[in-house]
Amino acid sequence: MNNWNDLYALILIVFAIYLFLFLCFFGFTRYLKKRRINKRYLAWINKIRLFYKPVAWLVIIGGFIALDPLTHGLIIVLLAVFGYKQLGNYVSGLFIRSSPMVVTDTLVKAGKIHGRINRIGTLGMVLGTDQGERWVWYNFFDKTGFTLISNQTNVLQRALYLQTELSKEELLDLVFNHPVLALGKPINIKELANKKTFLMHYTLIKGAKHEDFINYLHGHNIMTNSTENFNA
């Protein structure tokens, strides 16, 4: 980046790519729905669209810093410090929203909160509970763990914290070796700041037992917990 015009051109290019992808996603999604093709492909399309936005912002921010690395870099650092909590909510939301089960009317259980998803936002979601609508930050789901129950298929998706000496790649290999979870259902594993601690989102198909999977992990010396605090 040599001047502001270069940054403006970069922004236009990023926006043009997003517009092109949006039109492609819209057309392809309608095509898949009409052809009644496996919903797994729709889920992949939504993931690509979901993660393109933060990647595009990172490219633009990188171009902004390149104009004046010292001054602009300091500005971005200060903004990141002040917006740390909101950034954490946004990043957590990316992984949660990437699940095909995170749609309106899905039942959510997290800690003492039970409700159905009414609206899905960038930093959190609105749940309809017995006490009325309630806003829940995505960070809350990371802290408490959660279960998703589809209103249509009765499929369960759970969140589980793991502690292990295995690397993320070794852990993924071990998880995919489980016969129940290796059926094309979404599995996400995120490495946390705490050493050797991971947050895993996985799906239980009809007839699968949560306890069986827990015992499978324990049999491979992997500690499990419903929250990040293993010492509680």
C-alpha atoms as a PDB file:
ATOM      1  CA  MET A   1       0.000   0.000   0.000  1.00  0.00           C
ATOM      2  CA  ASN A   2       1.516   3.289  -1.165  1.00  0.00           C
ATOM      3  CA  ASN A   3      -1.372   5.733  -0.680  1.00  0.00           C
ATOM      4  CA  TRP A   4      -5.030   6.029   0.313  1.00  0.00           C
ATOM      5  CA  ASN A   5      -6.178   5.404  -3.250  1.00  0.00           C
ATOM      6  CA  ASP A   6      -4.661   1.927  -3.034  1.00  0.00           C
ATOM      7  CA  LEU A   7      -6.669   1.267   0.142  1.00  0.00           C
ATOM      8  CA  TYR A   8      -9.874   2.519  -1.496  1.00  0.00           C
ATOM      9  CA  ALA A   9      -9.219   0.207  -4.441  1.00  0.00           C
ATOM     10  CA  LEU A  10      -8.669  -2.697  -2.062  1.00  0.00           C
ATOM     11  CA  ILE A  11     -11.977  -1.983  -0.305  1.00  0.00           C
ATOM     12  CA  LEU A  12     -13.801  -1.875  -3.638  1.00  0.00           C
ATOM     13  CA  ILE A  13     -12.231  -5.168  -4.708  1.00  0.00           C
ATOM     14  CA  VAL A  14     -13.153  -6.863  -1.425  1.00  0.00           C
ATOM     15  CA  PHE A  15     -16.715  -5.533  -1.665  1.00  0.00           C
ATOM     16  CA  ALA A  16     -17.013  -6.633  -5.308  1.00  0.00           C
ATOM     17  CA  ILE A  17     -15.864 -10.154  -4.402  1.00  0.00           C
ATOM     18  CA  TYR A  18     -18.382 -10.280  -1.557  1.00  0.00           C
ATOM     19  CA  LEU A  19     -21.181  -9.138  -3.869  1.00  0.00           C
ATOM     20  CA  PHE A  20     -20.197 -11.760  -6.433  1.00  0.00           C
ATOM     21  CA  LEU A  21     -20.071 -14.489  -3.779  1.00  0.00           C
ATOM     22  CA  PHE A  22     -23.425 -13.356  -2.359  1.00  0.00           C
ATOM     23  CA  LEU A  23     -25.085 -13.691  -5.765  1.00  0.00           C
ATOM     24  CA  CYS A  24     -23.444 -17.083  -6.313  1.00  0.00           C
ATOM     25  CA  PHE A  25     -24.518 -18.296  -2.860  1.00  0.00           C
ATOM     26  CA  PHE A  26     -28.073 -17.040  -3.416  1.00  0.00           C
ATOM     27  CA  GLY A  27     -28.402 -18.770  -6.785  1.00  0.00           C
ATOM     28  CA  PHE A  28     -26.672 -21.979  -5.725  1.00  0.00           C
ATOM     29  CA  THR A  29     -28.720 -22.217  -2.529  1.00  0.00           C
ATOM     30  CA  ARG A  30     -31.973 -21.906  -4.443  1.00  0.00           C
ATOM     31  CA  TYR A  31     -30.739 -24.530  -6.909  1.00  0.00           C
ATOM     32  CA  LEU A  32     -29.876 -26.984  -4.120  1.00  0.00           C
ATOM     33  CA  LYS A  33     -33.231 -26.467  -2.422  1.00  0.00           C
ATOM     34  CA  LYS A  34     -35.151 -27.073  -5.645  1.00  0.00           C
ATOM     35  CA  ARG A  35     -33.118 -30.183  -6.380  1.00  0.00           C
ATOM     36  CA  ARG A  36     -33.477 -31.365  -2.762  1.00  0.00           C
ATOM     37  CA  ILE A  37     -29.749 -32.061  -2.582  1.00  0.00           C
ATOM     38  CA  ASN A  38     -28.108 -33.059   0.709  1.00  0.00           C
ATOM     39  CA  LYS A  39     -28.345 -30.242   3.260  1.00  0.00           C
ATOM     40  CA  ARG A  40     -24.671 -30.756   4.080  1.00  0.00           C
ATOM     41  CA  TYR A  41     -23.788 -28.778   0.929  1.00  0.00           C
ATOM     42  CA  LEU A  42     -26.014 -25.924   2.070  1.00  0.00           C
ATOM     43  CA  ALA A  43     -24.199 -25.951   5.408  1.00  0.00           C
ATOM     44  CA  TRP A  44     -20.831 -25.620   3.661  1.00  0.00           C
ATOM     45  CA  ILE A  45     -22.120 -22.705   1.594  1.00  0.00           C
ATOM     46  CA  ASN A  46     -23.294 -20.915   4.737  1.00  0.00           C
ATOM     47  CA  LYS A  47     -19.918 -21.504   6.409  1.00  0.00           C
ATOM     48  CA  ILE A  48     -18.040 -19.991   3.468  1.00  0.00           C
ATOM     49  CA  ARG A  49     -20.316 -16.969   3.484  1.00  0.00           C
ATOM     50  CA  LEU A  50     -20.055 -16.620   7.273  1.00  0.00           C
ATOM     51  CA  PHE A  51     -16.248 -16.701   7.428  1.00  0.00           C
ATOM     52  CA  TYR A  52     -15.668 -14.519   4.367  1.00  0.00           C
ATOM     53  CA  LYS A  53     -16.644 -11.348   6.246  1.00  0.00           C
ATOM     54  CA  PRO A  54     -13.947 -11.561   8.968  1.00  0.00           C
ATOM     55  CA  VAL A  55     -11.354 -12.543   6.358  1.00  0.00           C
ATOM     56  CA  ALA A  56     -12.348  -9.521   4.243  1.00  0.00           C
ATOM     57  CA  TRP A  57     -12.059  -7.232   7.282  1.00  0.00           C
ATOM     58  CA  LEU A  58      -8.616  -8.630   8.090  1.00  0.00           C
ATOM     59  CA  VAL A  59      -7.489  -7.889   4.522  1.00  0.00           C
ATOM     60  CA  ILE A  60      -8.773  -4.307   4.746  1.00  0.00           C
ATOM     61  CA  ILE A  61      -7.205  -3.784   8.186  1.00  0.00           C
ATOM     62  CA  GLY A  62      -3.933  -5.171   6.848  1.00  0.00           C
ATOM     63  CA  GLY A  63      -4.046  -2.652   4.015  1.00  0.00           C
ATOM     64  CA  PHE A  64      -4.799   0.173   6.482  1.00  0.00           C
ATOM     65  CA  ILE A  65      -1.817  -0.793   8.660  1.00  0.00           C
ATOM     66  CA  ALA A  66       0.455  -1.055   5.603  1.00  0.00           C
ATOM     67  CA  LEU A  67      -0.091   2.659   4.875  1.00  0.00           C
ATOM     68  CA  ASP A  68       1.592   3.621   8.156  1.00  0.00           C
ATOM     69  CA  PRO A  69       2.638   0.530  10.172  1.00  0.00           C
ATOM     70  CA  LEU A  70       3.526   2.408  13.380  1.00  0.00           C
ATOM     71  CA  THR A  71       0.638   4.880  13.695  1.00  0.00           C
ATOM     72  CA  HIS A  72      -2.102   2.768  12.132  1.00  0.00           C
ATOM     73  CA  GLY A  73      -0.876  -0.361  13.895  1.00  0.00           C
ATOM     74  CA  LEU A  74      -1.138   1.445  17.246  1.00  0.00           C
ATOM     75  CA  ILE A  75      -4.687   2.598  16.398  1.00  0.00           C
ATOM     76  CA  ILE A  76      -5.769  -0.971  15.604  1.00  0.00           C
ATOM     77  CA  VAL A  77      -4.175  -2.288  18.805  1.00  0.00           C
ATOM     78  CA  LEU A  78      -6.000   0.327  20.902  1.00  0.00           C
ATOM     79  CA  LEU A  79      -9.312  -0.454  19.214  1.00  0.00           C
ATOM     80  CA  ALA A  80      -8.736  -4.172  19.786  1.00  0.00           C
ATOM     81  CA  VAL A  81      -7.994  -3.579  23.488  1.00  0.00           C
ATOM     82  CA  PHE A  82     -11.153  -1.523  24.035  1.00  0.00           C
ATOM     83  CA  GLY A  83     -13.262  -3.907  21.979  1.00  0.00           C
ATOM     84  CA  TYR A  84     -11.721  -7.110  23.336  1.00  0.00           C
ATOM     85  CA  LYS A  85     -14.967  -8.416  24.850  1.00  0.00           C
ATOM     86  CA  GLN A  86     -16.967  -7.756  21.708  1.00  0.00           C
ATOM     87  CA  LEU A  87     -14.281  -9.334  19.536  1.00  0.00           C
ATOM     88  CA  GLY A  88     -14.388 -12.412  21.756  1.00  0.00           C
ATOM     89  CA  ASN A  89     -18.156 -12.574  21.362  1.00  0.00           C
ATOM     90  CA  TYR A  90     -17.834 -12.230  17.596  1.00  0.00           C
ATOM     91  CA  VAL A  91     -15.223 -14.977  17.252  1.00  0.00           C
ATOM     92  CA  SER A  92     -17.205 -17.328  19.504  1.00  0.00           C
ATOM     93  CA  GLY A  93     -20.289 -16.549  17.452  1.00  0.00           C
ATOM     94  CA  LEU A  94     -18.551 -17.519  14.219  1.00  0.00           C
ATOM     95  CA  PHE A  95     -17.988 -21.078  15.428  1.00  0.00           C
ATOM     96  CA  ILE A  96     -21.431 -21.368  17.014  1.00  0.00           C
ATOM     97  CA  ARG A  97     -23.289 -19.948  13.995  1.00  0.00           C
ATOM     98  CA  SER A  98     -21.374 -22.234  11.630  1.00  0.00           C
ATOM     99  CA  SER A  99     -23.430 -25.151  12.948  1.00  0.00           C
ATOM    100  CA  PRO A 100     -26.342 -25.996  10.610  1.00  0.00           C
ATOM    101  CA  MET A 101     -28.470 -26.535  13.730  1.00  0.00           C
ATOM    102  CA  VAL A 102     -28.188 -22.906  14.827  1.00  0.00           C
ATOM    103  CA  VAL A 103     -31.424 -21.707  13.250  1.00  0.00           C
ATOM    104  CA  THR A 104     -34.625 -20.197  14.606  1.00  0.00           C
ATOM    105  CA  ASP A 105     -36.841 -22.537  16.650  1.00  0.00           C
ATOM    106  CA  THR A 106     -33.924 -24.748  17.733  1.00  0.00           C
ATOM    107  CA  LEU A 107     -34.065 -25.473  21.466  1.00  0.00           C
ATOM    108  CA  VAL A 108     -31.002 -24.310  23.435  1.00  0.00           C
ATOM    109  CA  LYS A 109     -29.980 -25.474  26.894  1.00  0.00           C
ATOM    110  CA  ALA A 110     -27.065 -23.594  28.494  1.00  0.00           C
ATOM    111  CA  GLY A 111     -26.599 -23.620  32.240  1.00  0.00           C
ATOM    112  CA  LYS A 112     -29.925 -22.601  33.790  1.00  0.00           C
ATOM    113  CA  ILE A 113     -31.190 -21.051  30.554  1.00  0.00           C
ATOM    114  CA  HIS A 114     -33.632 -23.062  28.451  1.00  0.00           C
ATOM    115  CA  GLY A 115     -35.287 -21.536  25.405  1.00  0.00           C
ATOM    116  CA  ARG A 116     -35.797 -21.510  21.666  1.00  0.00           C
ATOM    117  CA  ILE A 117     -33.790 -19.365  19.276  1.00  0.00           C
ATOM    118  CA  ASN A 118     -35.900 -16.415  18.133  1.00  0.00           C
ATOM    119  CA  ARG A 119     -33.206 -14.283  16.494  1.00  0.00           C
ATOM    120  CA  ILE A 120     -29.521 -14.808  15.676  1.00  0.00           C
ATOM    121  CA  GLY A 121     -27.215 -11.790  15.872  1.00  0.00           C
ATOM    122  CA  THR A 122     -23.540 -11.060  15.273  1.00  0.00           C
ATOM    123  CA  LEU A 123     -22.621 -10.925  18.984  1.00  0.00           C
ATOM    124  CA  GLY A 124     -25.348 -13.067  20.515  1.00  0.00           C
ATOM    125  CA  MET A 125     -28.835 -14.459  20.078  1.00  0.00           C
ATOM    126  CA  VAL A 126     -32.322 -13.850  21.426  1.00  0.00           C
ATOM    127  CA  LEU A 127     -33.885 -16.841  23.163  1.00  0.00           C
ATOM    128  CA  GLY A 128     -37.550 -17.233  23.949  1.00  0.00           C
ATOM    129  CA  THR A 129     -37.763 -18.564  27.506  1.00  0.00           C
ATOM    130  CA  ASP A 130     -40.569 -19.108  30.007  1.00  0.00           C
ATOM    131  CA  GLN A 131     -39.735 -15.664  31.435  1.00  0.00           C
ATOM    132  CA  GLY A 132     -39.867 -13.976  28.020  1.00  0.00           C
ATOM    133  CA  GLU A 133     -37.217 -13.086  25.451  1.00  0.00           C
ATOM    134  CA  ARG A 134     -33.631 -13.019  26.684  1.00  0.00           C
ATOM    135  CA  TRP A 135     -30.425 -11.808  25.002  1.00  0.00           C
ATOM    136  CA  VAL A 136     -27.483 -14.189  25.456  1.00  0.00           C
ATOM    137  CA  TRP A 137     -23.885 -13.361  24.523  1.00  0.00           C
ATOM    138  CA  TYR A 138     -21.947 -16.044  22.626  1.00  0.00           C
ATOM    139  CA  ASN A 139     -19.235 -15.945  25.309  1.00  0.00           C
ATOM    140  CA  PHE A 140     -21.827 -17.270  27.759  1.00  0.00           C
ATOM    141  CA  PHE A 141     -22.163 -20.442  25.696  1.00  0.00           C
ATOM    142  CA  ASP A 142     -18.383 -20.905  25.735  1.00  0.00           C
ATOM    143  CA  LYS A 143     -18.307 -20.594  29.526  1.00  0.00           C
ATOM    144  CA  THR A 144     -21.263 -22.825  30.367  1.00  0.00           C
ATOM    145  CA  GLY A 145     -21.402 -25.266  27.471  1.00  0.00           C
ATOM    146  CA  PHE A 146     -24.676 -25.878  25.686  1.00  0.00           C
ATOM    147  CA  THR A 147     -26.928 -28.392  23.989  1.00  0.00           C
ATOM    148  CA  LEU A 148     -28.864 -27.784  20.773  1.00  0.00           C
ATOM    149  CA  ILE A 149     -31.985 -29.803  20.020  1.00  0.00           C
ATOM    150  CA  SER A 150     -33.381 -29.517  16.504  1.00  0.00           C
ATOM    151  CA  ASN A 151     -37.118 -28.878  16.377  1.00  0.00           C
ATOM    152  CA  GLN A 152     -37.424 -31.005  13.241  1.00  0.00           C
ATOM    153  CA  THR A 153     -35.044 -33.949  13.574  1.00  0.00           C
ATOM    154  CA  ASN A 154     -34.568 -34.248  17.343  1.00  0.00           C
ATOM    155  CA  VAL A 155     -30.812 -34.388  16.702  1.00  0.00           C
ATOM    156  CA  LEU A 156     -28.626 -33.234  19.588  1.00  0.00           C
ATOM    157  CA  GLN A 157     -25.560 -31.035  19.354  1.00  0.00           C
ATOM    158  CA  ARG A 158     -23.486 -30.609  22.502  1.00  0.00           C
ATOM    159  CA  ALA A 159     -20.537 -28.530  23.677  1.00  0.00           C
ATOM    160  CA  LEU A 160     -17.868 -30.218  25.796  1.00  0.00           C
ATOM    161  CA  TYR A 161     -14.575 -29.039  27.283  1.00  0.00           C
ATOM    162  CA  LEU A 162     -11.588 -31.383  27.024  1.00  0.00           C
ATOM    163  CA  GLN A 163      -8.180 -31.529  28.699  1.00  0.00           C
ATOM    164  CA  THR A 164      -5.559 -33.731  27.106  1.00  0.00           C
ATOM    165  CA  GLU A 165      -1.887 -33.929  26.260  1.00  0.00           C
ATOM    166  CA  LEU A 166      -2.809 -34.705  22.661  1.00  0.00           C
ATOM    167  CA  SER A 167      -2.419 -32.098  19.929  1.00  0.00           C
ATOM    168  CA  LYS A 168      -5.473 -30.784  18.131  1.00  0.00           C
ATOM    169  CA  GLU A 169      -4.697 -32.966  15.103  1.00  0.00           C
ATOM    170  CA  GLU A 170      -4.301 -36.095  17.258  1.00  0.00           C
ATOM    171  CA  LEU A 171      -7.526 -35.266  19.081  1.00  0.00           C
ATOM    172  CA  LEU A 172      -9.402 -34.895  15.799  1.00  0.00           C
ATOM    173  CA  ASP A 173      -8.118 -38.269  14.609  1.00  0.00           C
ATOM    174  CA  LEU A 174      -9.244 -39.874  17.850  1.00  0.00           C
ATOM    175  CA  VAL A 175     -12.699 -38.287  17.733  1.00  0.00           C
ATOM    176  CA  PHE A 176     -13.320 -39.294  14.128  1.00  0.00           C
ATOM    177  CA  ASN A 177     -12.443 -42.883  15.016  1.00  0.00           C
ATOM    178  CA  HIS A 178     -15.593 -43.066  17.122  1.00  0.00           C
ATOM    179  CA  PRO A 179     -18.139 -45.015  15.046  1.00  0.00           C
ATOM    180  CA  VAL A 180     -21.143 -42.870  16.050  1.00  0.00           C
ATOM    181  CA  LEU A 181     -19.592 -39.482  15.344  1.00  0.00           C
ATOM    182  CA  ALA A 182     -17.985 -40.378  12.020  1.00  0.00           C
ATOM    183  CA  LEU A 183     -21.245 -40.140  10.064  1.00  0.00           C
ATOM    184  CA  GLY A 184     -20.858 -36.786   8.363  1.00  0.00           C
ATOM    185  CA  LYS A 185     -22.201 -34.779  11.288  1.00  0.00           C
ATOM    186  CA  PRO A 186     -20.528 -31.432  12.157  1.00  0.00           C
ATOM    187  CA  ILE A 187     -17.654 -31.582  14.669  1.00  0.00           C
ATOM    188  CA  ASN A 188     -15.694 -28.459  15.649  1.00  0.00           C
ATOM    189  CA  ILE A 189     -12.729 -28.364  18.036  1.00  0.00           C
ATOM    190  CA  LYS A 190     -11.299 -25.011  19.197  1.00  0.00           C
ATOM    191  CA  GLU A 191      -8.052 -24.763  21.167  1.00  0.00           C
ATOM    192  CA  LEU A 192      -8.425 -22.412  24.146  1.00  0.00           C
ATOM    193  CA  ALA A 193      -5.934 -20.120  25.856  1.00  0.00           C
ATOM    194  CA  ASN A 194      -5.631 -22.537  28.771  1.00  0.00           C
ATOM    195  CA  LYS A 195      -2.884 -25.018  28.024  1.00  0.00           C
ATOM    196  CA  LYS A 196      -4.093 -28.345  26.637  1.00  0.00           C
ATOM    197  CA  THR A 197      -7.756 -27.315  26.901  1.00  0.00           C
ATOM    198  CA  PHE A 198     -10.178 -27.573  23.979  1.00  0.00           C
ATOM    199  CA  LEU A 199     -13.831 -26.734  23.350  1.00  0.00           C
ATOM    200  CA  MET A 200     -15.578 -29.288  21.165  1.00  0.00           C
ATOM    201  CA  HIS A 201     -18.982 -29.017  19.483  1.00  0.00           C
ATOM    202  CA  TYR A 202     -20.248 -32.366  18.266  1.00  0.00           C
ATOM    203  CA  THR A 203     -23.498 -33.866  17.094  1.00  0.00           C
ATOM    204  CA  LEU A 204     -25.252 -36.952  18.407  1.00  0.00           C
ATOM    205  CA  ILE A 205     -27.447 -38.710  15.894  1.00  0.00           C
ATOM    206  CA  LYS A 206     -30.654 -40.415  16.896  1.00  0.00           C
ATOM    207  CA  GLY A 207     -29.973 -43.363  19.185  1.00  0.00           C
ATOM    208  CA  ALA A 208     -26.450 -42.288  20.165  1.00  0.00           C
ATOM    209  CA  LYS A 209     -25.716 -41.856  23.868  1.00  0.00           C
ATOM    210  CA  HIS A 210     -23.748 -38.932  25.258  1.00  0.00           C
ATOM    211  CA  GLU A 211     -22.415 -41.101  28.097  1.00  0.00           C
ATOM    212  CA  ASP A 212     -20.936 -43.639  25.659  1.00  0.00           C
ATOM    213  CA  PHE A 213     -18.903 -40.942  23.945  1.00  0.00           C
ATOM    214  CA  ILE A 214     -17.750 -39.542  27.307  1.00  0.00           C
ATOM    215  CA  ASN A 215     -16.586 -43.004  28.375  1.00  0.00           C
ATOM    216  CA  TYR A 216     -14.771 -43.373  25.046  1.00  0.00           C
ATOM    217  CA  LEU A 217     -12.828 -40.154  25.716  1.00  0.00           C
ATOM    218  CA  HIS A 218     -12.077 -41.138  29.316  1.00  0.00           C
ATOM    219  CA  GLY A 219     -10.742 -44.439  28.043  1.00  0.00           C
ATOM    220  CA  HIS A 220      -8.112 -42.476  26.100  1.00  0.00           C
ATOM    221  CA  ASN A 221      -7.062 -40.388  29.136  1.00  0.00           C
ATOM    222  CA  ILE A 222      -9.020 -37.305  28.051  1.00  0.00           C
ATOM    223  CA  MET A 223     -10.668 -35.310  30.853  1.00  0.00           C
ATOM    224  CA  THR A 224     -14.102 -33.841  30.118  1.00  0.00           C
ATOM    225  CA  ASN A 225     -16.169 -31.117  31.725  1.00  0.00           C
ATOM    226  CA  SER A 226     -19.261 -29.044  30.941  1.00  0.00           C
ATOM    227  CA  THR A 227     -17.355 -25.793  31.669  1.00  0.00           C
ATOM    228  CA  GLU A 228     -13.816 -24.487  31.152  1.00  0.00           C
ATOM    229  CA  ASN A 229     -13.048 -24.690  34.893  1.00  0.00           C
ATOM    230  CA  PHE A 230     -11.792 -28.244  35.487  1.00  0.00           C
ATOM    231  CA  ASN A 231     -10.880 -27.452  39.104  1.00  0.00           C
ATOM    232  CA  ALA A 232     -14.429 -26.626  40.176  1.00  0.00           C
END
